N, C-alpha and C. Protein backbone atom coordinates (compact mmCIF):
# COMPACT_ATOMS: atom_id res chain seq x y z
N MET A 1 -10.12 10.71 -1.14
CA MET A 1 -9.28 11.24 -2.21
C MET A 1 -8.86 10.11 -3.13
N GLN A 2 -8.96 10.33 -4.42
CA GLN A 2 -8.60 9.34 -5.42
C GLN A 2 -7.09 9.36 -5.67
N PRO A 3 -6.53 8.26 -6.14
CA PRO A 3 -5.10 8.24 -6.45
C PRO A 3 -4.76 9.22 -7.57
N GLU A 4 -3.49 9.64 -7.62
CA GLU A 4 -3.05 10.58 -8.64
C GLU A 4 -3.23 10.01 -10.04
N LEU A 5 -2.91 8.75 -10.22
CA LEU A 5 -3.04 8.12 -11.52
C LEU A 5 -3.31 6.64 -11.28
N GLY A 6 -4.32 6.11 -11.90
CA GLY A 6 -4.65 4.70 -11.71
C GLY A 6 -5.40 4.17 -12.92
N TRP A 7 -5.78 2.91 -12.84
CA TRP A 7 -6.50 2.31 -13.96
C TRP A 7 -7.60 1.38 -13.47
N VAL A 8 -8.59 1.22 -14.33
CA VAL A 8 -9.68 0.28 -14.12
C VAL A 8 -9.73 -0.57 -15.39
N PHE A 9 -9.68 -1.90 -15.23
CA PHE A 9 -9.76 -2.80 -16.38
C PHE A 9 -11.06 -3.57 -16.30
N PHE A 10 -11.83 -3.51 -17.38
CA PHE A 10 -13.10 -4.22 -17.47
C PHE A 10 -12.91 -5.42 -18.40
N SER A 11 -13.07 -6.61 -17.87
CA SER A 11 -13.01 -7.82 -18.70
C SER A 11 -14.37 -8.03 -19.35
N THR A 12 -14.36 -8.65 -20.52
CA THR A 12 -15.61 -9.00 -21.18
C THR A 12 -15.67 -10.52 -21.33
N TYR A 13 -16.75 -10.98 -21.90
CA TYR A 13 -16.92 -12.42 -22.12
C TYR A 13 -15.79 -12.99 -22.98
N ASN A 14 -15.17 -12.15 -23.78
CA ASN A 14 -14.14 -12.60 -24.72
C ASN A 14 -12.74 -12.61 -24.13
N GLU A 15 -12.56 -12.21 -22.86
CA GLU A 15 -11.23 -12.01 -22.31
C GLU A 15 -10.32 -13.24 -22.43
N HIS A 16 -10.88 -14.41 -22.19
CA HIS A 16 -10.04 -15.61 -22.18
C HIS A 16 -9.87 -16.23 -23.57
N CYS A 17 -10.48 -15.61 -24.58
CA CYS A 17 -10.40 -16.16 -25.93
C CYS A 17 -9.04 -15.92 -26.58
N ALA A 18 -8.41 -14.82 -26.29
CA ALA A 18 -7.18 -14.49 -26.99
C ALA A 18 -6.32 -13.54 -26.17
N CYS A 19 -5.12 -13.38 -26.62
CA CYS A 19 -4.17 -12.48 -25.98
C CYS A 19 -4.39 -11.05 -26.49
N PRO A 20 -4.40 -10.07 -25.59
CA PRO A 20 -4.58 -8.69 -26.05
C PRO A 20 -3.39 -8.22 -26.89
N THR A 21 -3.67 -7.71 -28.08
CA THR A 21 -2.59 -7.26 -28.96
C THR A 21 -2.80 -5.86 -29.52
N ARG A 22 -4.04 -5.36 -29.49
CA ARG A 22 -4.32 -4.05 -30.08
C ARG A 22 -5.08 -3.18 -29.10
N VAL A 23 -4.82 -1.88 -29.17
CA VAL A 23 -5.48 -0.90 -28.32
C VAL A 23 -6.07 0.19 -29.22
N VAL A 24 -7.34 0.51 -28.98
CA VAL A 24 -7.99 1.56 -29.74
C VAL A 24 -8.62 2.53 -28.74
N GLU A 25 -8.26 3.80 -28.85
CA GLU A 25 -8.86 4.78 -27.93
C GLU A 25 -10.36 4.85 -28.20
N THR A 26 -11.14 4.93 -27.14
CA THR A 26 -12.59 4.92 -27.25
C THR A 26 -13.18 5.90 -26.23
N GLN A 27 -14.46 6.08 -26.27
CA GLN A 27 -15.16 6.93 -25.30
C GLN A 27 -15.74 6.06 -24.19
N LEU A 28 -15.84 6.60 -23.00
CA LEU A 28 -16.45 5.86 -21.89
C LEU A 28 -17.84 5.38 -22.25
N SER A 29 -18.58 6.21 -22.95
CA SER A 29 -19.96 5.86 -23.30
C SER A 29 -20.03 4.65 -24.24
N GLU A 30 -18.92 4.27 -24.86
CA GLU A 30 -18.90 3.12 -25.76
C GLU A 30 -18.67 1.80 -25.03
N ILE A 31 -18.36 1.87 -23.74
CA ILE A 31 -18.20 0.64 -22.96
C ILE A 31 -19.58 0.05 -22.75
N ASP A 32 -19.75 -1.18 -23.19
CA ASP A 32 -21.04 -1.85 -23.10
C ASP A 32 -21.15 -2.57 -21.76
N PRO A 33 -21.93 -2.03 -20.81
CA PRO A 33 -22.03 -2.64 -19.49
C PRO A 33 -22.50 -4.09 -19.52
N SER A 34 -23.29 -4.45 -20.52
CA SER A 34 -23.79 -5.83 -20.58
C SER A 34 -22.69 -6.83 -20.91
N GLN A 35 -21.57 -6.35 -21.43
CA GLN A 35 -20.45 -7.23 -21.77
C GLN A 35 -19.42 -7.38 -20.64
N VAL A 36 -19.50 -6.51 -19.63
CA VAL A 36 -18.51 -6.53 -18.55
C VAL A 36 -18.77 -7.70 -17.62
N THR A 37 -17.75 -8.54 -17.44
CA THR A 37 -17.87 -9.70 -16.57
C THR A 37 -17.03 -9.59 -15.32
N ALA A 38 -16.04 -8.71 -15.31
CA ALA A 38 -15.18 -8.56 -14.15
C ALA A 38 -14.50 -7.20 -14.20
N ILE A 39 -14.10 -6.72 -13.03
CA ILE A 39 -13.41 -5.44 -12.92
C ILE A 39 -12.14 -5.66 -12.12
N SER A 40 -11.02 -5.14 -12.61
CA SER A 40 -9.76 -5.12 -11.86
C SER A 40 -9.36 -3.66 -11.73
N VAL A 41 -8.78 -3.30 -10.59
CA VAL A 41 -8.37 -1.91 -10.37
C VAL A 41 -6.94 -1.87 -9.86
N SER A 42 -6.27 -0.76 -10.14
CA SER A 42 -4.90 -0.59 -9.64
C SER A 42 -4.91 -0.18 -8.18
N ASP A 43 -6.02 0.34 -7.70
CA ASP A 43 -6.13 0.82 -6.33
C ASP A 43 -7.57 0.62 -5.86
N HIS A 44 -7.75 0.12 -4.65
CA HIS A 44 -9.11 -0.15 -4.15
C HIS A 44 -10.00 1.09 -4.16
N ASN A 45 -9.40 2.29 -4.08
CA ASN A 45 -10.19 3.52 -4.11
C ASN A 45 -10.90 3.71 -5.44
N LEU A 46 -10.50 2.98 -6.46
CA LEU A 46 -11.11 3.12 -7.79
C LEU A 46 -12.28 2.17 -8.00
N ARG A 47 -12.62 1.36 -7.01
CA ARG A 47 -13.71 0.39 -7.17
C ARG A 47 -15.05 1.07 -7.45
N LYS A 48 -15.33 2.18 -6.76
CA LYS A 48 -16.60 2.88 -6.98
C LYS A 48 -16.68 3.42 -8.40
N ILE A 49 -15.57 3.94 -8.89
CA ILE A 49 -15.54 4.45 -10.25
C ILE A 49 -15.83 3.31 -11.23
N GLY A 50 -15.15 2.19 -11.04
CA GLY A 50 -15.34 1.04 -11.91
C GLY A 50 -16.78 0.55 -11.89
N ALA A 51 -17.36 0.49 -10.70
CA ALA A 51 -18.75 0.03 -10.59
C ALA A 51 -19.69 0.99 -11.30
N GLY A 52 -19.48 2.29 -11.13
CA GLY A 52 -20.33 3.28 -11.79
C GLY A 52 -20.27 3.18 -13.30
N ILE A 53 -19.06 3.00 -13.82
CA ILE A 53 -18.89 2.87 -15.27
C ILE A 53 -19.50 1.55 -15.75
N ALA A 54 -19.21 0.46 -15.03
CA ALA A 54 -19.69 -0.87 -15.44
C ALA A 54 -21.21 -0.96 -15.43
N LEU A 55 -21.82 -0.24 -14.51
CA LEU A 55 -23.28 -0.27 -14.45
C LEU A 55 -23.92 0.74 -15.38
N GLY A 56 -23.08 1.54 -16.06
CA GLY A 56 -23.60 2.51 -17.01
C GLY A 56 -24.34 3.66 -16.34
N ILE A 57 -23.95 4.00 -15.12
CA ILE A 57 -24.61 5.07 -14.39
C ILE A 57 -24.26 6.41 -15.04
N LYS A 58 -25.25 7.05 -15.61
CA LYS A 58 -25.02 8.23 -16.44
C LYS A 58 -24.50 9.44 -15.65
N ASN A 59 -24.89 9.58 -14.38
CA ASN A 59 -24.42 10.76 -13.65
C ASN A 59 -22.95 10.67 -13.28
N VAL A 60 -22.34 9.51 -13.46
CA VAL A 60 -20.89 9.36 -13.27
C VAL A 60 -20.16 10.01 -14.44
N LEU A 61 -20.72 9.88 -15.64
CA LEU A 61 -20.09 10.40 -16.85
C LEU A 61 -20.40 11.89 -16.99
N LYS A 62 -19.43 12.73 -16.68
CA LYS A 62 -19.64 14.17 -16.73
C LYS A 62 -19.41 14.72 -18.13
N ALA A 63 -18.45 14.16 -18.84
CA ALA A 63 -18.10 14.55 -20.20
C ALA A 63 -17.35 13.36 -20.80
N PRO A 64 -17.05 13.38 -22.10
CA PRO A 64 -16.35 12.23 -22.70
C PRO A 64 -15.01 11.91 -22.04
N ASP A 65 -14.37 12.92 -21.43
CA ASP A 65 -13.06 12.69 -20.82
C ASP A 65 -13.05 12.94 -19.32
N ARG A 66 -14.24 13.01 -18.70
CA ARG A 66 -14.33 13.29 -17.26
C ARG A 66 -15.42 12.46 -16.62
N ILE A 67 -15.17 12.12 -15.35
CA ILE A 67 -16.20 11.46 -14.55
C ILE A 67 -16.30 12.18 -13.21
N LYS A 68 -17.42 12.05 -12.57
CA LYS A 68 -17.65 12.70 -11.29
C LYS A 68 -17.83 11.64 -10.23
N VAL A 69 -17.04 11.76 -9.16
CA VAL A 69 -17.16 10.86 -8.02
C VAL A 69 -17.25 11.74 -6.78
N GLY A 70 -18.45 11.75 -6.16
CA GLY A 70 -18.67 12.66 -5.04
C GLY A 70 -18.54 14.08 -5.54
N ASP A 71 -17.70 14.87 -4.88
CA ASP A 71 -17.47 16.26 -5.29
C ASP A 71 -16.29 16.40 -6.23
N GLU A 72 -15.62 15.30 -6.52
CA GLU A 72 -14.39 15.37 -7.29
C GLU A 72 -14.62 15.01 -8.76
N THR A 73 -14.04 15.82 -9.64
CA THR A 73 -14.06 15.53 -11.07
C THR A 73 -12.71 14.93 -11.44
N LEU A 74 -12.75 13.78 -12.08
CA LEU A 74 -11.53 13.09 -12.49
C LEU A 74 -11.47 13.02 -14.01
N PHE A 75 -10.26 13.02 -14.51
CA PHE A 75 -10.04 12.96 -15.95
C PHE A 75 -9.74 11.52 -16.34
N VAL A 76 -10.26 11.10 -17.48
CA VAL A 76 -10.10 9.71 -17.90
C VAL A 76 -9.71 9.65 -19.37
N ARG A 77 -9.12 8.54 -19.69
CA ARG A 77 -8.85 8.18 -21.08
C ARG A 77 -9.19 6.70 -21.17
N SER A 78 -10.01 6.32 -22.11
CA SER A 78 -10.46 4.93 -22.18
C SER A 78 -10.06 4.30 -23.50
N TYR A 79 -9.87 2.99 -23.42
CA TYR A 79 -9.38 2.22 -24.57
C TYR A 79 -10.14 0.91 -24.68
N SER A 80 -10.41 0.50 -25.90
CA SER A 80 -10.90 -0.87 -26.16
C SER A 80 -9.67 -1.73 -26.36
N ILE A 81 -9.68 -2.91 -25.78
CA ILE A 81 -8.57 -3.85 -25.90
C ILE A 81 -9.04 -4.99 -26.80
N LEU A 82 -8.29 -5.22 -27.87
CA LEU A 82 -8.69 -6.22 -28.87
C LEU A 82 -7.60 -7.25 -29.05
N SER A 83 -7.98 -8.39 -29.56
CA SER A 83 -6.98 -9.41 -29.94
C SER A 83 -6.81 -9.34 -31.45
N SER A 84 -5.80 -9.99 -31.94
CA SER A 84 -5.53 -9.95 -33.38
C SER A 84 -6.57 -10.72 -34.18
N ASP A 85 -7.27 -11.64 -33.54
CA ASP A 85 -8.20 -12.49 -34.28
C ASP A 85 -9.68 -12.18 -34.02
N SER A 86 -9.98 -11.02 -33.42
CA SER A 86 -11.37 -10.70 -33.14
C SER A 86 -11.60 -9.20 -33.20
N ALA A 87 -12.75 -8.81 -33.71
CA ALA A 87 -13.12 -7.40 -33.73
C ALA A 87 -13.84 -7.01 -32.44
N MET A 88 -14.28 -8.01 -31.69
CA MET A 88 -14.97 -7.75 -30.43
C MET A 88 -13.94 -7.47 -29.34
N PRO A 89 -14.18 -6.45 -28.50
CA PRO A 89 -13.23 -6.15 -27.43
C PRO A 89 -13.14 -7.31 -26.43
N ILE A 90 -11.93 -7.55 -25.96
CA ILE A 90 -11.74 -8.54 -24.89
C ILE A 90 -11.70 -7.82 -23.54
N GLY A 91 -11.76 -6.50 -23.60
CA GLY A 91 -11.80 -5.71 -22.38
C GLY A 91 -11.69 -4.23 -22.68
N TYR A 92 -11.77 -3.46 -21.63
CA TYR A 92 -11.63 -2.01 -21.73
C TYR A 92 -10.70 -1.55 -20.62
N MET A 93 -9.80 -0.64 -20.93
CA MET A 93 -8.91 -0.06 -19.93
C MET A 93 -9.26 1.42 -19.81
N VAL A 94 -9.48 1.86 -18.58
CA VAL A 94 -9.76 3.27 -18.33
C VAL A 94 -8.66 3.79 -17.41
N ILE A 95 -7.94 4.79 -17.87
CA ILE A 95 -6.89 5.43 -17.08
C ILE A 95 -7.55 6.63 -16.39
N VAL A 96 -7.34 6.76 -15.09
CA VAL A 96 -8.00 7.78 -14.29
C VAL A 96 -6.95 8.64 -13.59
N THR A 97 -7.18 9.96 -13.57
CA THR A 97 -6.27 10.85 -12.85
C THR A 97 -7.03 12.07 -12.34
N ASN A 98 -6.41 12.78 -11.41
CA ASN A 98 -7.02 14.01 -10.92
C ASN A 98 -6.60 15.19 -11.79
N LYS A 99 -7.14 16.36 -11.51
CA LYS A 99 -6.89 17.54 -12.35
C LYS A 99 -5.41 17.91 -12.39
N ILE A 100 -4.73 17.77 -11.27
CA ILE A 100 -3.32 18.14 -11.18
C ILE A 100 -2.46 17.32 -12.14
N HIS A 101 -2.81 16.05 -12.33
CA HIS A 101 -2.00 15.14 -13.14
C HIS A 101 -2.63 14.82 -14.50
N CYS A 102 -3.64 15.60 -14.93
CA CYS A 102 -4.34 15.26 -16.18
C CYS A 102 -3.42 15.27 -17.40
N GLN A 103 -2.34 16.04 -17.36
CA GLN A 103 -1.40 16.05 -18.50
C GLN A 103 -0.71 14.69 -18.64
N ASP A 104 -0.66 13.90 -17.55
CA ASP A 104 -0.04 12.57 -17.63
C ASP A 104 -0.81 11.63 -18.55
N LEU A 105 -2.09 11.91 -18.78
CA LEU A 105 -2.89 11.06 -19.67
C LEU A 105 -2.34 11.08 -21.09
N GLU A 106 -1.76 12.20 -21.48
CA GLU A 106 -1.22 12.33 -22.84
C GLU A 106 -0.01 11.42 -23.06
N LYS A 107 0.63 11.00 -21.98
CA LYS A 107 1.83 10.17 -22.10
C LYS A 107 1.52 8.72 -22.45
N PHE A 108 0.26 8.32 -22.32
CA PHE A 108 -0.08 6.93 -22.57
C PHE A 108 -0.10 6.63 -24.05
N THR A 109 0.64 5.58 -24.41
CA THR A 109 0.67 5.10 -25.79
C THR A 109 0.00 3.74 -25.83
N SER A 110 -0.21 3.22 -27.01
CA SER A 110 -0.79 1.88 -27.14
C SER A 110 0.03 0.85 -26.40
N SER A 111 1.36 0.93 -26.52
CA SER A 111 2.20 -0.08 -25.86
C SER A 111 2.15 0.06 -24.34
N SER A 112 2.07 1.28 -23.81
CA SER A 112 2.00 1.42 -22.35
C SER A 112 0.65 0.93 -21.83
N VAL A 113 -0.41 1.13 -22.60
CA VAL A 113 -1.72 0.62 -22.20
C VAL A 113 -1.72 -0.91 -22.24
N LEU A 114 -1.12 -1.50 -23.28
CA LEU A 114 -1.03 -2.97 -23.35
C LEU A 114 -0.27 -3.54 -22.16
N LYS A 115 0.79 -2.85 -21.72
CA LYS A 115 1.52 -3.31 -20.53
C LYS A 115 0.62 -3.32 -19.31
N LEU A 116 -0.19 -2.28 -19.15
CA LEU A 116 -1.14 -2.24 -18.03
C LEU A 116 -2.15 -3.39 -18.13
N VAL A 117 -2.64 -3.64 -19.35
CA VAL A 117 -3.59 -4.74 -19.54
C VAL A 117 -2.95 -6.06 -19.17
N HIS A 118 -1.72 -6.29 -19.62
CA HIS A 118 -1.04 -7.54 -19.28
C HIS A 118 -0.85 -7.66 -17.77
N SER A 119 -0.58 -6.55 -17.09
CA SER A 119 -0.43 -6.63 -15.63
C SER A 119 -1.77 -6.93 -14.97
N ALA A 120 -2.87 -6.37 -15.50
CA ALA A 120 -4.20 -6.66 -14.95
C ALA A 120 -4.56 -8.12 -15.17
N VAL A 121 -4.26 -8.65 -16.36
CA VAL A 121 -4.57 -10.05 -16.68
C VAL A 121 -3.68 -10.98 -15.86
N SER A 122 -2.41 -10.63 -15.69
CA SER A 122 -1.53 -11.50 -14.90
C SER A 122 -1.91 -11.48 -13.43
N LYS A 123 -2.42 -10.34 -12.94
CA LYS A 123 -2.93 -10.27 -11.57
C LYS A 123 -4.06 -11.28 -11.40
N SER A 124 -4.93 -11.35 -12.42
CA SER A 124 -6.03 -12.31 -12.40
C SER A 124 -5.50 -13.74 -12.43
N SER A 125 -4.44 -14.00 -13.20
CA SER A 125 -3.84 -15.34 -13.26
C SER A 125 -3.24 -15.72 -11.92
N ASP A 126 -2.59 -14.76 -11.26
CA ASP A 126 -2.03 -15.02 -9.94
C ASP A 126 -3.12 -15.40 -8.95
N LEU A 127 -4.28 -14.72 -9.05
CA LEU A 127 -5.39 -15.04 -8.16
C LEU A 127 -5.97 -16.41 -8.48
N GLU A 128 -5.99 -16.78 -9.76
CA GLU A 128 -6.46 -18.12 -10.12
C GLU A 128 -5.54 -19.18 -9.54
N GLN A 129 -4.23 -18.90 -9.52
CA GLN A 129 -3.28 -19.81 -8.89
C GLN A 129 -3.59 -19.89 -7.39
N GLY A 130 -3.92 -18.75 -6.79
CA GLY A 130 -4.27 -18.71 -5.37
C GLY A 130 -5.47 -19.58 -5.06
N PHE A 131 -6.42 -19.65 -5.99
CA PHE A 131 -7.59 -20.50 -5.82
C PHE A 131 -7.18 -21.95 -5.63
N ARG A 132 -6.21 -22.40 -6.42
CA ARG A 132 -5.76 -23.79 -6.32
C ARG A 132 -5.05 -24.06 -4.99
N GLU A 133 -4.54 -22.99 -4.36
CA GLU A 133 -3.83 -23.15 -3.10
C GLU A 133 -4.76 -23.11 -1.89
N LEU A 134 -6.01 -22.67 -2.08
CA LEU A 134 -6.94 -22.60 -0.96
C LEU A 134 -7.34 -24.01 -0.52
N LYS A 135 -7.55 -24.14 0.77
CA LYS A 135 -7.98 -25.43 1.31
C LYS A 135 -9.44 -25.67 0.96
N LEU A 136 -9.82 -26.94 0.88
CA LEU A 136 -11.19 -27.30 0.55
C LEU A 136 -12.18 -26.65 1.51
N LYS A 137 -11.88 -26.67 2.79
CA LYS A 137 -12.79 -26.09 3.79
C LYS A 137 -12.98 -24.59 3.55
N THR A 138 -11.91 -23.90 3.18
CA THR A 138 -12.01 -22.46 2.90
C THR A 138 -12.92 -22.22 1.70
N LEU A 139 -12.77 -23.04 0.67
CA LEU A 139 -13.63 -22.91 -0.51
C LEU A 139 -15.09 -23.20 -0.17
N GLN A 140 -15.31 -24.20 0.67
CA GLN A 140 -16.67 -24.52 1.08
C GLN A 140 -17.31 -23.35 1.84
N VAL A 141 -16.54 -22.76 2.75
CA VAL A 141 -17.03 -21.61 3.52
C VAL A 141 -17.34 -20.46 2.56
N LEU A 142 -16.46 -20.22 1.62
CA LEU A 142 -16.63 -19.14 0.66
C LEU A 142 -17.89 -19.35 -0.18
N LYS A 143 -18.08 -20.55 -0.68
CA LYS A 143 -19.25 -20.85 -1.50
C LYS A 143 -20.55 -20.73 -0.71
N MET A 144 -20.53 -21.19 0.54
CA MET A 144 -21.73 -21.10 1.35
C MET A 144 -22.04 -19.65 1.72
N THR A 145 -21.00 -18.85 1.92
CA THR A 145 -21.19 -17.42 2.19
C THR A 145 -21.82 -16.75 0.98
N ALA A 146 -21.35 -17.10 -0.21
CA ALA A 146 -21.90 -16.54 -1.45
C ALA A 146 -23.36 -16.94 -1.63
N LEU A 147 -23.75 -18.08 -1.08
CA LEU A 147 -25.14 -18.53 -1.15
C LEU A 147 -26.02 -17.82 -0.13
N GLY A 148 -25.41 -17.02 0.75
CA GLY A 148 -26.18 -16.23 1.70
C GLY A 148 -26.32 -16.84 3.08
N LEU A 149 -25.61 -17.94 3.36
CA LEU A 149 -25.69 -18.54 4.68
C LEU A 149 -24.93 -17.70 5.70
N SER A 150 -25.42 -17.65 6.92
CA SER A 150 -24.75 -16.92 7.99
C SER A 150 -23.58 -17.75 8.50
N ALA A 151 -22.71 -17.12 9.28
CA ALA A 151 -21.57 -17.83 9.85
C ALA A 151 -22.05 -18.98 10.74
N GLY A 152 -23.11 -18.75 11.49
CA GLY A 152 -23.65 -19.82 12.35
C GLY A 152 -24.17 -21.00 11.54
N GLU A 153 -24.87 -20.72 10.45
CA GLU A 153 -25.39 -21.79 9.60
C GLU A 153 -24.25 -22.58 8.95
N ILE A 154 -23.25 -21.85 8.47
CA ILE A 154 -22.09 -22.51 7.86
C ILE A 154 -21.37 -23.37 8.89
N ALA A 155 -21.23 -22.84 10.09
CA ALA A 155 -20.56 -23.58 11.17
C ALA A 155 -21.30 -24.89 11.46
N ASP A 156 -22.61 -24.84 11.50
CA ASP A 156 -23.40 -26.06 11.75
C ASP A 156 -23.20 -27.09 10.65
N VAL A 157 -23.26 -26.65 9.41
CA VAL A 157 -23.15 -27.58 8.27
C VAL A 157 -21.76 -28.20 8.19
N LEU A 158 -20.71 -27.37 8.39
CA LEU A 158 -19.33 -27.86 8.22
C LEU A 158 -18.67 -28.31 9.53
N HIS A 159 -19.45 -28.32 10.59
CA HIS A 159 -18.93 -28.74 11.91
C HIS A 159 -17.73 -27.89 12.32
N LEU A 160 -17.92 -26.58 12.25
CA LEU A 160 -16.92 -25.61 12.67
C LEU A 160 -17.54 -24.71 13.73
N THR A 161 -16.72 -23.88 14.33
CA THR A 161 -17.23 -22.82 15.18
C THR A 161 -17.43 -21.59 14.31
N SER A 162 -18.17 -20.61 14.80
CA SER A 162 -18.33 -19.36 14.05
C SER A 162 -16.97 -18.69 13.84
N ARG A 163 -16.12 -18.82 14.84
CA ARG A 163 -14.77 -18.26 14.73
C ARG A 163 -13.97 -18.99 13.64
N GLY A 164 -14.19 -20.29 13.50
CA GLY A 164 -13.54 -21.06 12.43
C GLY A 164 -13.99 -20.60 11.05
N VAL A 165 -15.27 -20.29 10.92
CA VAL A 165 -15.81 -19.76 9.67
C VAL A 165 -15.14 -18.43 9.35
N ASP A 166 -15.06 -17.55 10.37
CA ASP A 166 -14.41 -16.25 10.17
C ASP A 166 -12.95 -16.42 9.76
N TYR A 167 -12.28 -17.41 10.34
CA TYR A 167 -10.88 -17.69 10.00
C TYR A 167 -10.74 -18.02 8.51
N HIS A 168 -11.60 -18.89 8.00
CA HIS A 168 -11.54 -19.29 6.60
C HIS A 168 -11.88 -18.12 5.67
N LEU A 169 -12.84 -17.29 6.07
CA LEU A 169 -13.16 -16.11 5.28
C LEU A 169 -11.99 -15.13 5.27
N SER A 170 -11.30 -15.03 6.39
CA SER A 170 -10.12 -14.16 6.48
C SER A 170 -9.02 -14.65 5.55
N LEU A 171 -8.81 -15.96 5.48
CA LEU A 171 -7.81 -16.52 4.56
C LEU A 171 -8.15 -16.17 3.12
N ALA A 172 -9.41 -16.33 2.76
CA ALA A 172 -9.84 -16.04 1.39
C ALA A 172 -9.69 -14.54 1.08
N LYS A 173 -10.03 -13.67 2.05
CA LYS A 173 -9.88 -12.22 1.86
C LYS A 173 -8.43 -11.86 1.61
N GLN A 174 -7.54 -12.47 2.37
CA GLN A 174 -6.11 -12.20 2.18
C GLN A 174 -5.66 -12.62 0.79
N LYS A 175 -6.14 -13.76 0.34
CA LYS A 175 -5.72 -14.30 -0.95
C LYS A 175 -6.09 -13.38 -2.11
N VAL A 176 -7.29 -12.75 -2.05
CA VAL A 176 -7.73 -11.89 -3.15
C VAL A 176 -7.52 -10.40 -2.87
N GLY A 177 -7.10 -10.07 -1.65
CA GLY A 177 -6.90 -8.66 -1.31
C GLY A 177 -8.22 -7.94 -1.07
N ALA A 178 -9.23 -8.67 -0.63
CA ALA A 178 -10.54 -8.07 -0.37
C ALA A 178 -10.51 -7.32 0.96
N ILE A 179 -11.33 -6.28 1.04
CA ILE A 179 -11.35 -5.47 2.26
C ILE A 179 -12.55 -5.79 3.15
N ASN A 180 -13.54 -6.49 2.62
CA ASN A 180 -14.70 -6.89 3.43
C ASN A 180 -15.39 -8.07 2.75
N LYS A 181 -16.43 -8.58 3.38
CA LYS A 181 -17.10 -9.76 2.86
C LYS A 181 -17.76 -9.54 1.49
N PRO A 182 -18.49 -8.44 1.29
CA PRO A 182 -19.07 -8.23 -0.05
C PRO A 182 -18.00 -8.14 -1.13
N ASN A 183 -16.88 -7.48 -0.82
CA ASN A 183 -15.78 -7.38 -1.79
C ASN A 183 -15.20 -8.76 -2.06
N LEU A 184 -15.10 -9.60 -1.04
CA LEU A 184 -14.61 -10.97 -1.20
C LEU A 184 -15.51 -11.76 -2.15
N ILE A 185 -16.81 -11.68 -1.93
CA ILE A 185 -17.74 -12.43 -2.78
C ILE A 185 -17.69 -11.91 -4.22
N PHE A 186 -17.61 -10.59 -4.37
CA PHE A 186 -17.50 -10.00 -5.71
C PHE A 186 -16.26 -10.51 -6.42
N GLU A 187 -15.11 -10.45 -5.74
CA GLU A 187 -13.85 -10.90 -6.34
C GLU A 187 -13.89 -12.40 -6.63
N ALA A 188 -14.45 -13.18 -5.71
CA ALA A 188 -14.54 -14.63 -5.90
C ALA A 188 -15.42 -14.97 -7.11
N LYS A 189 -16.51 -14.22 -7.28
CA LYS A 189 -17.37 -14.45 -8.46
C LYS A 189 -16.64 -14.04 -9.74
N ASN A 190 -15.92 -12.92 -9.70
CA ASN A 190 -15.14 -12.49 -10.87
C ASN A 190 -14.14 -13.57 -11.30
N LEU A 191 -13.57 -14.25 -10.31
CA LEU A 191 -12.55 -15.25 -10.58
C LEU A 191 -13.14 -16.63 -10.86
N GLY A 192 -14.45 -16.77 -10.71
CA GLY A 192 -15.08 -18.06 -10.94
C GLY A 192 -14.90 -19.03 -9.78
N TRP A 193 -14.58 -18.52 -8.61
CA TRP A 193 -14.39 -19.40 -7.45
C TRP A 193 -15.73 -19.86 -6.88
N VAL A 194 -16.78 -19.05 -7.07
CA VAL A 194 -18.11 -19.43 -6.55
C VAL A 194 -19.13 -19.30 -7.67
């Protein structure tokens, strides 16, 4: 079951160029998957929705204001996020809700969407701070995992036990709020950690 109301924020190559200042309502189909560099979600249950939209999977898009996930149809409202000094989007915000709460989509204004964007961007900044707090060994384990090495191979290279490798991966998962190893690597790549 999807959350009653949530959001998916898609960062683009331009995200770090400027501060978001303008919001323009747009259609889901106008989100350019080739420009998406990272995804942030208000709830982990929205990751599949974000991935479907980011990859441009057409069967996810049921109508301009609806998406289909499994047997459930969800209502969406999407926005391009712009800075004052660029016409290119620095990201896209998609507000998602179920049928029962679809009237809540009408309550979103430009300023409320900008607040959500700032919270998504600040969440990313907090995680970047977390990167600086990680131990060197944890970063090494994370990078080697992203390269496809097994726990045993990493343990041999870094003179750890397999359990020690798992410990460092667990620390990194906690730091980014990842639920499994693939999610950890995805989040670490989004943040530029690997």
